[in-house]
Amino acid sequence: MPNGPEPGTTKYAERTFRAAPPPEDDARAPRLWPRWFATARGVLGAAVFTLGGAPWPARVADLAGTLLCVLAAAFVVVHYVAVRRSRVLARPGEDGTAWRRMIPTLVQAAWYGAGWLLAPPFGRTAGALASGVLLGATLWTQTARHDARARAARRAADAGR
């Protein structure tokens, strides 16, 4: 038997007709976001919220407003593409209570607000910059952690088959 069991034997039948995992198992496994999503979400989020909060001189206000609109549109498009590719429903969390699903959003809001604490001593520009950077870092970190957990769960589900 150099190439495996002979056709017609029980082992051959077992290998040939091995049951596939039920489709529910694949549906329960977490969907993965594209690998670039965490970086794009963090960088674009930081740029949008920094530009949106910073004061602009009157002579560049139109340019800053246009740039802000373009970056905000890119932020939305990045989310749309990631959700379409991964078929993930865009929610703050997958399971648990409403409070548990809101925690990531509250963490983002807390870091964004913490950045604005620099505004009174250093000015509005410093507050906008700090809050934008902190929010972008939070978005990037939370997205990367979620994606790492989803990839580990997917590997575990694939190994269990």
C-alpha atoms as a PDB file:
ATOM      1  CA  MET A   1       0.000   0.000   0.000  1.00  0.00           C
ATOM      2  CA  PRO A   2       2.463   2.695  -1.037  1.00  0.00           C
ATOM      3  CA  ASN A   3      -0.223   5.314  -1.809  1.00  0.00           C
ATOM      4  CA  GLY A   4      -2.616   4.687   1.085  1.00  0.00           C
ATOM      5  CA  PRO A   5      -5.436   2.237   1.615  1.00  0.00           C
ATOM      6  CA  GLU A   6      -6.818   0.242  -1.294  1.00  0.00           C
ATOM      7  CA  PRO A   7     -10.133   1.327  -2.782  1.00  0.00           C
ATOM      8  CA  GLY A   8     -12.953  -0.761  -1.417  1.00  0.00           C
ATOM      9  CA  THR A   9     -11.548  -1.023   2.118  1.00  0.00           C
ATOM     10  CA  THR A  10     -13.086   0.495   5.216  1.00  0.00           C
ATOM     11  CA  LYS A  11     -10.157   2.878   5.751  1.00  0.00           C
ATOM     12  CA  TYR A  12     -10.497   4.139   2.191  1.00  0.00           C
ATOM     13  CA  ALA A  13     -14.192   4.814   2.715  1.00  0.00           C
ATOM     14  CA  GLU A  14     -13.538   6.577   6.015  1.00  0.00           C
ATOM     15  CA  ARG A  15     -10.953   8.874   4.458  1.00  0.00           C
ATOM     16  CA  THR A  16     -13.007   9.505   1.348  1.00  0.00           C
ATOM     17  CA  PHE A  17     -16.279  10.264   3.086  1.00  0.00           C
ATOM     18  CA  ARG A  18     -14.952  11.954   6.194  1.00  0.00           C
ATOM     19  CA  ALA A  19     -17.672  14.292   7.372  1.00  0.00           C
ATOM     20  CA  ALA A  20     -17.074  17.936   6.725  1.00  0.00           C
ATOM     21  CA  PRO A  21     -17.549  20.275   9.667  1.00  0.00           C
ATOM     22  CA  PRO A  22     -21.063  21.640   9.894  1.00  0.00           C
ATOM     23  CA  PRO A  23     -21.556  25.036   8.254  1.00  0.00           C
ATOM     24  CA  GLU A  24     -22.572  26.522  11.602  1.00  0.00           C
ATOM     25  CA  ASP A  25     -18.996  26.088  12.853  1.00  0.00           C
ATOM     26  CA  ASP A  26     -17.665  28.264  10.047  1.00  0.00           C
ATOM     27  CA  ALA A  27     -20.397  30.839  10.606  1.00  0.00           C
ATOM     28  CA  ARG A  28     -19.512  31.063  14.327  1.00  0.00           C
ATOM     29  CA  ALA A  29     -15.799  31.540  13.682  1.00  0.00           C
ATOM     30  CA  PRO A  30     -14.866  35.228  13.800  1.00  0.00           C
ATOM     31  CA  ARG A  31     -14.454  37.031  10.507  1.00  0.00           C
ATOM     32  CA  LEU A  32     -11.108  38.692   9.994  1.00  0.00           C
ATOM     33  CA  TRP A  33     -10.516  42.301   9.055  1.00  0.00           C
ATOM     34  CA  PRO A  34      -7.862  43.073   6.460  1.00  0.00           C
ATOM     35  CA  ARG A  35      -4.404  43.418   8.017  1.00  0.00           C
ATOM     36  CA  TRP A  36      -4.113  47.072   6.962  1.00  0.00           C
ATOM     37  CA  PHE A  37      -7.340  48.067   8.706  1.00  0.00           C
ATOM     38  CA  ALA A  38      -5.917  48.749  12.196  1.00  0.00           C
ATOM     39  CA  THR A  39      -3.209  51.042  10.846  1.00  0.00           C
ATOM     40  CA  ALA A  40      -5.515  52.894   8.473  1.00  0.00           C
ATOM     41  CA  ARG A  41      -8.182  53.303  11.146  1.00  0.00           C
ATOM     42  CA  GLY A  42      -5.705  54.705  13.670  1.00  0.00           C
ATOM     43  CA  VAL A  43      -3.884  57.066  11.311  1.00  0.00           C
ATOM     44  CA  LEU A  44      -6.994  58.409   9.602  1.00  0.00           C
ATOM     45  CA  GLY A  45      -8.825  58.738  12.929  1.00  0.00           C
ATOM     46  CA  ALA A  46      -5.937  60.724  14.374  1.00  0.00           C
ATOM     47  CA  ALA A  47      -5.750  62.962  11.306  1.00  0.00           C
ATOM     48  CA  VAL A  48      -9.496  63.652  11.209  1.00  0.00           C
ATOM     49  CA  PHE A  49      -9.847  64.437  14.895  1.00  0.00           C
ATOM     50  CA  THR A  50      -6.648  66.506  15.005  1.00  0.00           C
ATOM     51  CA  LEU A  51      -7.633  68.626  12.014  1.00  0.00           C
ATOM     52  CA  GLY A  52     -11.217  68.876  13.204  1.00  0.00           C
ATOM     53  CA  GLY A  53     -10.255  70.290  16.589  1.00  0.00           C
ATOM     54  CA  ALA A  54      -7.379  72.543  15.619  1.00  0.00           C
ATOM     55  CA  PRO A  55      -7.883  76.260  15.044  1.00  0.00           C
ATOM     56  CA  TRP A  56      -7.176  77.425  11.500  1.00  0.00           C
ATOM     57  CA  PRO A  57      -6.265  80.916  10.315  1.00  0.00           C
ATOM     58  CA  ALA A  58      -8.875  82.443   8.033  1.00  0.00           C
ATOM     59  CA  ARG A  59      -6.630  82.298   4.941  1.00  0.00           C
ATOM     60  CA  VAL A  60      -6.259  78.486   5.126  1.00  0.00           C
ATOM     61  CA  ALA A  61      -9.662  77.646   6.592  1.00  0.00           C
ATOM     62  CA  ASP A  62     -11.070  76.589   3.212  1.00  0.00           C
ATOM     63  CA  LEU A  63      -8.076  74.361   2.499  1.00  0.00           C
ATOM     64  CA  ALA A  64      -8.215  72.840   5.992  1.00  0.00           C
ATOM     65  CA  GLY A  65     -11.955  72.271   5.656  1.00  0.00           C
ATOM     66  CA  THR A  66     -11.486  70.545   2.305  1.00  0.00           C
ATOM     67  CA  LEU A  67      -8.677  68.385   3.686  1.00  0.00           C
ATOM     68  CA  LEU A  68     -10.801  67.513   6.705  1.00  0.00           C
ATOM     69  CA  CYS A  69     -13.695  66.450   4.463  1.00  0.00           C
ATOM     70  CA  VAL A  70     -11.391  64.307   2.306  1.00  0.00           C
ATOM     71  CA  LEU A  71      -9.831  62.615   5.354  1.00  0.00           C
ATOM     72  CA  ALA A  72     -13.248  62.062   6.957  1.00  0.00           C
ATOM     73  CA  ALA A  73     -14.505  60.496   3.723  1.00  0.00           C
ATOM     74  CA  ALA A  74     -11.396  58.277   3.590  1.00  0.00           C
ATOM     75  CA  PHE A  75     -12.035  57.246   7.210  1.00  0.00           C
ATOM     76  CA  VAL A  76     -15.580  56.181   6.307  1.00  0.00           C
ATOM     77  CA  VAL A  77     -14.459  54.421   3.104  1.00  0.00           C
ATOM     78  CA  VAL A  78     -11.783  52.449   4.987  1.00  0.00           C
ATOM     79  CA  HIS A  79     -14.445  51.210   7.408  1.00  0.00           C
ATOM     80  CA  TYR A  80     -16.822  50.375   4.564  1.00  0.00           C
ATOM     81  CA  VAL A  81     -14.173  48.399   2.651  1.00  0.00           C
ATOM     82  CA  ALA A  82     -13.098  46.493   5.766  1.00  0.00           C
ATOM     83  CA  VAL A  83     -16.681  45.621   6.686  1.00  0.00           C
ATOM     84  CA  ARG A  84     -17.544  44.555   3.131  1.00  0.00           C
ATOM     85  CA  ARG A  85     -14.446  42.374   2.794  1.00  0.00           C
ATOM     86  CA  SER A  86     -14.770  40.692   6.166  1.00  0.00           C
ATOM     87  CA  ARG A  87     -18.574  40.660   6.393  1.00  0.00           C
ATOM     88  CA  VAL A  88     -18.291  41.908   9.969  1.00  0.00           C
ATOM     89  CA  LEU A  89     -21.147  43.891  11.394  1.00  0.00           C
ATOM     90  CA  ALA A  90     -19.707  47.182  12.611  1.00  0.00           C
ATOM     91  CA  ARG A  91     -20.548  47.108  16.314  1.00  0.00           C
ATOM     92  CA  PRO A  92     -18.548  48.084  19.364  1.00  0.00           C
ATOM     93  CA  GLY A  93     -18.405  44.437  20.470  1.00  0.00           C
ATOM     94  CA  GLU A  94     -19.655  41.039  19.447  1.00  0.00           C
ATOM     95  CA  ASP A  95     -21.184  39.696  22.592  1.00  0.00           C
ATOM     96  CA  GLY A  96     -22.138  40.496  26.125  1.00  0.00           C
ATOM     97  CA  THR A  97     -24.318  43.154  27.588  1.00  0.00           C
ATOM     98  CA  ALA A  98     -24.830  46.606  26.156  1.00  0.00           C
ATOM     99  CA  TRP A  99     -22.467  47.972  28.813  1.00  0.00           C
ATOM    100  CA  ARG A 100     -19.735  45.511  27.789  1.00  0.00           C
ATOM    101  CA  ARG A 101     -20.157  46.484  24.129  1.00  0.00           C
ATOM    102  CA  MET A 102     -19.880  50.180  25.010  1.00  0.00           C
ATOM    103  CA  ILE A 103     -16.579  49.869  26.923  1.00  0.00           C
ATOM    104  CA  PRO A 104     -14.294  50.229  23.845  1.00  0.00           C
ATOM    105  CA  THR A 105     -16.169  53.348  22.769  1.00  0.00           C
ATOM    106  CA  LEU A 106     -15.976  54.813  26.268  1.00  0.00           C
ATOM    107  CA  VAL A 107     -12.227  54.145  26.380  1.00  0.00           C
ATOM    108  CA  GLN A 108     -11.832  55.998  23.075  1.00  0.00           C
ATOM    109  CA  ALA A 109     -13.857  58.936  24.386  1.00  0.00           C
ATOM    110  CA  ALA A 110     -11.841  59.018  27.622  1.00  0.00           C
ATOM    111  CA  TRP A 111      -8.493  59.170  25.806  1.00  0.00           C
ATOM    112  CA  TYR A 112      -9.821  61.787  23.394  1.00  0.00           C
ATOM    113  CA  GLY A 113     -10.985  63.896  26.345  1.00  0.00           C
ATOM    114  CA  ALA A 114      -7.700  63.377  28.173  1.00  0.00           C
ATOM    115  CA  GLY A 115      -5.845  64.898  25.231  1.00  0.00           C
ATOM    116  CA  TRP A 116      -7.876  68.068  25.576  1.00  0.00           C
ATOM    117  CA  LEU A 117      -6.498  68.538  29.086  1.00  0.00           C
ATOM    118  CA  LEU A 118      -3.419  69.983  27.383  1.00  0.00           C
ATOM    119  CA  ALA A 119      -5.491  72.774  25.818  1.00  0.00           C
ATOM    120  CA  PRO A 120      -5.715  75.130  28.846  1.00  0.00           C
ATOM    121  CA  PRO A 121      -1.964  75.330  29.538  1.00  0.00           C
ATOM    122  CA  PHE A 122      -0.663  74.949  25.955  1.00  0.00           C
ATOM    123  CA  GLY A 123      -3.471  76.159  23.697  1.00  0.00           C
ATOM    124  CA  ARG A 124      -6.134  74.693  21.474  1.00  0.00           C
ATOM    125  CA  THR A 125      -3.679  73.409  18.871  1.00  0.00           C
ATOM    126  CA  ALA A 126      -1.807  71.310  21.457  1.00  0.00           C
ATOM    127  CA  GLY A 127      -5.106  69.972  22.797  1.00  0.00           C
ATOM    128  CA  ALA A 128      -6.301  69.040  19.306  1.00  0.00           C
ATOM    129  CA  LEU A 129      -2.991  67.396  18.478  1.00  0.00           C
ATOM    130  CA  ALA A 130      -2.818  65.434  21.738  1.00  0.00           C
ATOM    131  CA  SER A 131      -6.445  64.318  21.589  1.00  0.00           C
ATOM    132  CA  GLY A 132      -6.162  63.286  17.938  1.00  0.00           C
ATOM    133  CA  VAL A 133      -2.986  61.302  18.525  1.00  0.00           C
ATOM    134  CA  LEU A 134      -4.387  59.610  21.642  1.00  0.00           C
ATOM    135  CA  LEU A 135      -7.630  58.716  19.858  1.00  0.00           C
ATOM    136  CA  GLY A 136      -5.750  57.386  16.821  1.00  0.00           C
ATOM    137  CA  ALA A 137      -3.485  55.275  19.031  1.00  0.00           C
ATOM    138  CA  THR A 138      -6.512  53.922  20.895  1.00  0.00           C
ATOM    139  CA  LEU A 139      -8.322  53.042  17.658  1.00  0.00           C
ATOM    140  CA  TRP A 140      -5.199  51.366  16.282  1.00  0.00           C
ATOM    141  CA  THR A 141      -4.542  49.402  19.485  1.00  0.00           C
ATOM    142  CA  GLN A 142      -8.135  48.270  19.991  1.00  0.00           C
ATOM    143  CA  THR A 143      -8.472  47.211  16.364  1.00  0.00           C
ATOM    144  CA  ALA A 144      -5.163  45.335  16.370  1.00  0.00           C
ATOM    145  CA  ARG A 145      -6.068  43.549  19.645  1.00  0.00           C
ATOM    146  CA  HIS A 146      -9.488  42.568  18.284  1.00  0.00           C
ATOM    147  CA  ASP A 147      -7.925  41.319  15.075  1.00  0.00           C
ATOM    148  CA  ALA A 148      -5.273  39.300  16.958  1.00  0.00           C
ATOM    149  CA  ARG A 149      -7.984  37.656  19.084  1.00  0.00           C
ATOM    150  CA  ALA A 150     -10.065  36.903  15.981  1.00  0.00           C
ATOM    151  CA  ARG A 151      -7.072  35.383  14.180  1.00  0.00           C
ATOM    152  CA  ALA A 152      -6.220  33.231  17.219  1.00  0.00           C
ATOM    153  CA  ALA A 153      -9.837  32.064  17.482  1.00  0.00           C
ATOM    154  CA  ARG A 154      -9.876  31.297  13.760  1.00  0.00           C
ATOM    155  CA  ARG A 155      -6.640  29.280  14.056  1.00  0.00           C
ATOM    156  CA  ALA A 156      -8.083  27.374  17.023  1.00  0.00           C
ATOM    157  CA  ALA A 157     -11.288  26.680  15.107  1.00  0.00           C
ATOM    158  CA  ASP A 158      -9.306  25.503  12.092  1.00  0.00           C
ATOM    159  CA  ALA A 159      -7.075  23.296  14.265  1.00  0.00           C
ATOM    160  CA  GLY A 160     -10.122  21.708  15.901  1.00  0.00           C
ATOM    161  CA  ARG A 161     -11.456  20.413  12.599  1.00  0.00           C
END
